[in-house]
């Protein structure tokens, strides 16, 4: 959204299947607060 506001359109492509997202947060001492959340974008396969 920031790109759209600043430049009028998005320049960064959206996520695709196979992309990974990793989120981790550290405290002031450098220790992980909640460990890492690591997910891969996959196509939904209905059962």
PDB file of N, CA and C in Angstrom:
ATOM      1  N   UNK A   1       0.815  -1.181   0.000  1.00  0.00           N
ATOM      2  CA  UNK A   1       0.000   0.000   0.000  1.00  0.00           C
ATOM      3  C   UNK A   1       0.865   1.253   0.000  1.00  0.00           C
ATOM      4  N   UNK A   2       2.003   1.189   0.682  1.00  0.00           N
ATOM      5  CA  UNK A   2       2.888   2.358   0.712  1.00  0.00           C
ATOM      6  C   UNK A   2       3.357   2.708  -0.699  1.00  0.00           C
ATOM      7  N   UNK A   3       3.692   1.690  -1.500  1.00  0.00           N
ATOM      8  CA  UNK A   3       4.115   1.953  -2.881  1.00  0.00           C
ATOM      9  C   UNK A   3       2.997   2.620  -3.675  1.00  0.00           C
ATOM     10  N   UNK A   4       1.787   2.149  -3.495  1.00  0.00           N
ATOM     11  CA  UNK A   4       0.648   2.726  -4.218  1.00  0.00           C
ATOM     12  C   UNK A   4       0.442   4.195  -3.822  1.00  0.00           C
ATOM     13  N   UNK A   5       0.580   4.497  -2.540  1.00  0.00           N
ATOM     14  CA  UNK A   5       0.428   5.869  -2.069  1.00  0.00           C
ATOM     15  C   UNK A   5       1.554   6.756  -2.614  1.00  0.00           C
ATOM     16  N   UNK A   6       2.794   6.260  -2.532  1.00  0.00           N
ATOM     17  CA  UNK A   6       3.938   7.080  -2.931  1.00  0.00           C
ATOM     18  C   UNK A   6       4.131   7.185  -4.440  1.00  0.00           C
ATOM     19  N   UNK A   7       3.847   6.089  -5.168  1.00  0.00           N
ATOM     20  CA  UNK A   7       4.173   6.035  -6.594  1.00  0.00           C
ATOM     21  C   UNK A   7       2.964   5.881  -7.510  1.00  0.00           C
ATOM     22  N   UNK A   8       1.785   5.684  -6.937  1.00  0.00           N
ATOM     23  CA  UNK A   8       0.589   5.548  -7.756  1.00  0.00           C
ATOM     24  C   UNK A   8       0.264   4.121  -8.157  1.00  0.00           C
ATOM     25  N   UNK A   9       1.208   3.200  -7.958  1.00  0.00           N
ATOM     26  CA  UNK A   9       0.946   1.784  -8.231  1.00  0.00           C
ATOM     27  C   UNK A   9       1.950   0.924  -7.462  1.00  0.00           C
ATOM     28  N   UNK A  10       1.648  -0.356  -7.375  1.00  0.00           N
ATOM     29  CA  UNK A  10       2.530  -1.278  -6.665  1.00  0.00           C
ATOM     30  C   UNK A  10       3.646  -1.732  -7.593  1.00  0.00           C
ATOM     31  N   UNK A  11       4.873  -1.738  -7.075  1.00  0.00           N
ATOM     32  CA  UNK A  11       6.029  -2.181  -7.858  1.00  0.00           C
ATOM     33  C   UNK A  11       6.495  -3.562  -7.425  1.00  0.00           C
ATOM     34  N   UNK A  12       6.286  -3.881  -6.161  1.00  0.00           N
ATOM     35  CA  UNK A  12       6.694  -5.181  -5.632  1.00  0.00           C
ATOM     36  C   UNK A  12       5.605  -6.203  -5.930  1.00  0.00           C
ATOM     37  N   UNK A  13       5.951  -7.342  -6.542  1.00  0.00           N
ATOM     38  CA  UNK A  13       4.920  -8.344  -6.829  1.00  0.00           C
ATOM     39  C   UNK A  13       4.359  -8.952  -5.549  1.00  0.00           C
ATOM     40  N   UNK A  14       3.115  -9.421  -5.629  1.00  0.00           N
ATOM     41  CA  UNK A  14       2.466 -10.057  -4.497  1.00  0.00           C
ATOM     42  C   UNK A  14       3.088 -11.426  -4.295  1.00  0.00           C
ATOM     43  N   UNK A  15       2.837 -12.031  -3.160  1.00  0.00           N
ATOM     44  CA  UNK A  15       3.396 -13.349  -2.870  1.00  0.00           C
ATOM     45  C   UNK A  15       2.871 -14.397  -3.840  1.00  0.00           C
ATOM     46  N   UNK A  16       3.706 -15.415  -4.085  1.00  0.00           N
ATOM     47  CA  UNK A  16       3.347 -16.520  -4.982  1.00  0.00           C
ATOM     48  C   UNK A  16       3.488 -17.841  -4.239  1.00  0.00           C
ATOM     49  N   UNK A  17       2.882 -18.877  -4.785  1.00  0.00           N
ATOM     50  CA  UNK A  17       3.012 -20.201  -4.198  1.00  0.00           C
ATOM     51  C   UNK A  17       4.496 -20.560  -4.111  1.00  0.00           C
ATOM     52  N   UNK A  18       4.886 -21.110  -2.963  1.00  0.00           N
ATOM     53  CA  UNK A  18       6.280 -21.482  -2.739  1.00  0.00           C
ATOM     54  C   UNK A  18       7.047 -20.436  -1.939  1.00  0.00           C
ATOM     55  N   UNK A  19       6.566 -19.190  -1.895  1.00  0.00           N
ATOM     56  CA  UNK A  19       7.227 -18.148  -1.096  1.00  0.00           C
ATOM     57  C   UNK A  19       7.117 -18.502   0.379  1.00  0.00           C
ATOM     58  N   UNK A  20       8.099 -18.047   1.148  1.00  0.00           N
ATOM     59  CA  UNK A  20       8.100 -18.282   2.593  1.00  0.00           C
ATOM     60  C   UNK A  20       8.028 -16.957   3.325  1.00  0.00           C
ATOM     61  N   UNK A  21       7.364 -16.986   4.489  1.00  0.00           N
ATOM     62  CA  UNK A  21       7.278 -15.822   5.362  1.00  0.00           C
ATOM     63  C   UNK A  21       7.805 -16.254   6.729  1.00  0.00           C
ATOM     64  N   UNK A  22       8.749 -15.477   7.243  1.00  0.00           N
ATOM     65  CA  UNK A  22       9.299 -15.773   8.575  1.00  0.00           C
ATOM     66  C   UNK A  22       9.206 -14.503   9.401  1.00  0.00           C
ATOM     67  N   UNK A  23       8.587 -14.617  10.569  1.00  0.00           N
ATOM     68  CA  UNK A  23       8.435 -13.490  11.476  1.00  0.00           C
ATOM     69  C   UNK A  23       9.031 -13.903  12.817  1.00  0.00           C
ATOM     70  N   UNK A  24       9.884 -13.054  13.339  1.00  0.00           N
ATOM     71  CA  UNK A  24      10.468 -13.320  14.653  1.00  0.00           C
ATOM     72  C   UNK A  24      10.723 -11.978  15.329  1.00  0.00           C
ATOM     73  N   UNK A  25      10.481 -11.922  16.613  1.00  0.00           N
ATOM     74  CA  UNK A  25      10.672 -10.677  17.357  1.00  0.00           C
ATOM     75  C   UNK A  25      11.601 -10.943  18.534  1.00  0.00           C
ATOM     76  N   UNK A  26      12.523 -10.004  18.744  1.00  0.00           N
ATOM     77  CA  UNK A  26      13.522 -10.162  19.793  1.00  0.00           C
ATOM     78  C   UNK A  26      13.372  -9.078  20.857  1.00  0.00           C
ATOM     79  N   UNK A  27      13.735  -9.440  22.095  1.00  0.00           N
ATOM     80  CA  UNK A  27      13.720  -8.443  23.162  1.00  0.00           C
ATOM     81  C   UNK A  27      15.027  -7.648  23.141  1.00  0.00           C
ATOM     82  N   UNK A  28      15.217  -6.763  24.093  1.00  0.00           N
ATOM     83  CA  UNK A  28      16.401  -5.898  24.114  1.00  0.00           C
ATOM     84  C   UNK A  28      17.706  -6.679  24.273  1.00  0.00           C
ATOM     85  N   UNK A  29      17.619  -7.854  24.869  1.00  0.00           N
ATOM     86  CA  UNK A  29      18.822  -8.677  25.050  1.00  0.00           C
ATOM     87  C   UNK A  29      19.092  -9.573  23.845  1.00  0.00           C
ATOM     88  N   UNK A  30      18.215  -9.528  22.842  1.00  0.00           N
ATOM     89  CA  UNK A  30      18.413 -10.340  21.638  1.00  0.00           C
ATOM     90  C   UNK A  30      17.790 -11.722  21.708  1.00  0.00           C
ATOM     91  N   UNK A  31      16.991 -11.977  22.742  1.00  0.00           N
ATOM     92  CA  UNK A  31      16.320 -13.269  22.883  1.00  0.00           C
ATOM     93  C   UNK A  31      14.975 -13.229  22.168  1.00  0.00           C
ATOM     94  N   UNK A  32      14.634 -14.327  21.529  1.00  0.00           N
ATOM     95  CA  UNK A  32      13.367 -14.419  20.809  1.00  0.00           C
ATOM     96  C   UNK A  32      12.201 -14.368  21.799  1.00  0.00           C
ATOM     97  N   UNK A  33      11.224 -13.520  21.520  1.00  0.00           N
ATOM     98  CA  UNK A  33      10.080 -13.353  22.415  1.00  0.00           C
ATOM     99  C   UNK A  33       9.089 -14.499  22.280  1.00  0.00           C
ATOM    100  N   UNK A  34       8.757 -14.895  21.046  1.00  0.00           N
ATOM    101  CA  UNK A  34       7.756 -15.946  20.845  1.00  0.00           C
ATOM    102  C   UNK A  34       8.232 -17.022  19.880  1.00  0.00           C
ATOM    103  N   UNK A  35       9.535 -17.119  19.684  1.00  0.00           N
ATOM    104  CA  UNK A  35      10.124 -18.044  18.719  1.00  0.00           C
ATOM    105  C   UNK A  35       9.773 -17.537  17.324  1.00  0.00           C
ATOM    106  N   UNK A  36      10.042 -18.297  16.314  1.00  0.00           N
ATOM    107  CA  UNK A  36       9.799 -17.846  14.945  1.00  0.00           C
ATOM    108  C   UNK A  36       8.515 -18.455  14.395  1.00  0.00           C
ATOM    109  N   UNK A  37       7.807 -17.669  13.607  1.00  0.00           N
ATOM    110  CA  UNK A  37       6.669 -18.162  12.842  1.00  0.00           C
ATOM    111  C   UNK A  37       7.170 -18.261  11.411  1.00  0.00           C
ATOM    112  N   UNK A  38       7.184 -19.461  10.864  1.00  0.00           N
ATOM    113  CA  UNK A  38       7.740 -19.707   9.530  1.00  0.00           C
ATOM    114  C   UNK A  38       6.694 -20.451   8.708  1.00  0.00           C
ATOM    115  N   UNK A  39       6.168 -19.803   7.675  1.00  0.00           N
ATOM    116  CA  UNK A  39       5.087 -20.381   6.878  1.00  0.00           C
ATOM    117  C   UNK A  39       5.441 -20.335   5.396  1.00  0.00           C
ATOM    118  N   UNK A  40       4.927 -21.299   4.654  1.00  0.00           N
ATOM    119  CA  UNK A  40       5.094 -21.311   3.207  1.00  0.00           C
ATOM    120  C   UNK A  40       3.727 -21.125   2.550  1.00  0.00           C
ATOM    121  N   UNK A  41       3.689 -20.338   1.482  1.00  0.00           N
ATOM    122  CA  UNK A  41       2.441 -20.105   0.747  1.00  0.00           C
ATOM    123  C   UNK A  41       2.200 -21.316  -0.146  1.00  0.00           C
ATOM    124  N   UNK A  42       1.081 -21.994   0.073  1.00  0.00           N
ATOM    125  CA  UNK A  42       0.729 -23.181  -0.717  1.00  0.00           C
ATOM    126  C   UNK A  42      -0.687 -23.029  -1.272  1.00  0.00           C
ATOM    127  N   UNK A  43      -0.951 -23.728  -2.341  1.00  0.00           N
ATOM    128  CA  UNK A  43      -2.282 -23.692  -2.957  1.00  0.00           C
ATOM    129  C   UNK A  43      -3.223 -24.565  -2.122  1.00  0.00           C
ATOM    130  N   UNK A  44      -4.415 -24.052  -1.862  1.00  0.00           N
ATOM    131  CA  UNK A  44      -5.423 -24.781  -1.091  1.00  0.00           C
ATOM    132  C   UNK A  44      -5.857 -26.002  -1.869  1.00  0.00           C
ATOM    133  N   UNK A  45      -5.854 -27.152  -1.202  1.00  0.00           N
ATOM    134  CA  UNK A  45      -6.298 -28.408  -1.807  1.00  0.00           C
ATOM    135  C   UNK A  45      -7.518 -28.910  -1.039  1.00  0.00           C
ATOM    136  N   UNK A  46      -8.734 -28.662  -1.570  1.00  0.00           N
ATOM    137  CA  UNK A  46      -9.928 -29.144  -0.866  1.00  0.00           C
ATOM    138  C   UNK A  46      -9.918 -30.671  -0.777  1.00  0.00           C
ATOM    139  N   UNK A  47     -10.474 -31.174   0.291  1.00  0.00           N
ATOM    140  CA  UNK A  47     -10.494 -32.636   0.501  1.00  0.00           C
ATOM    141  C   UNK A  47     -11.742 -33.254  -0.073  1.00  0.00           C
TER     142      UNK A  47
END
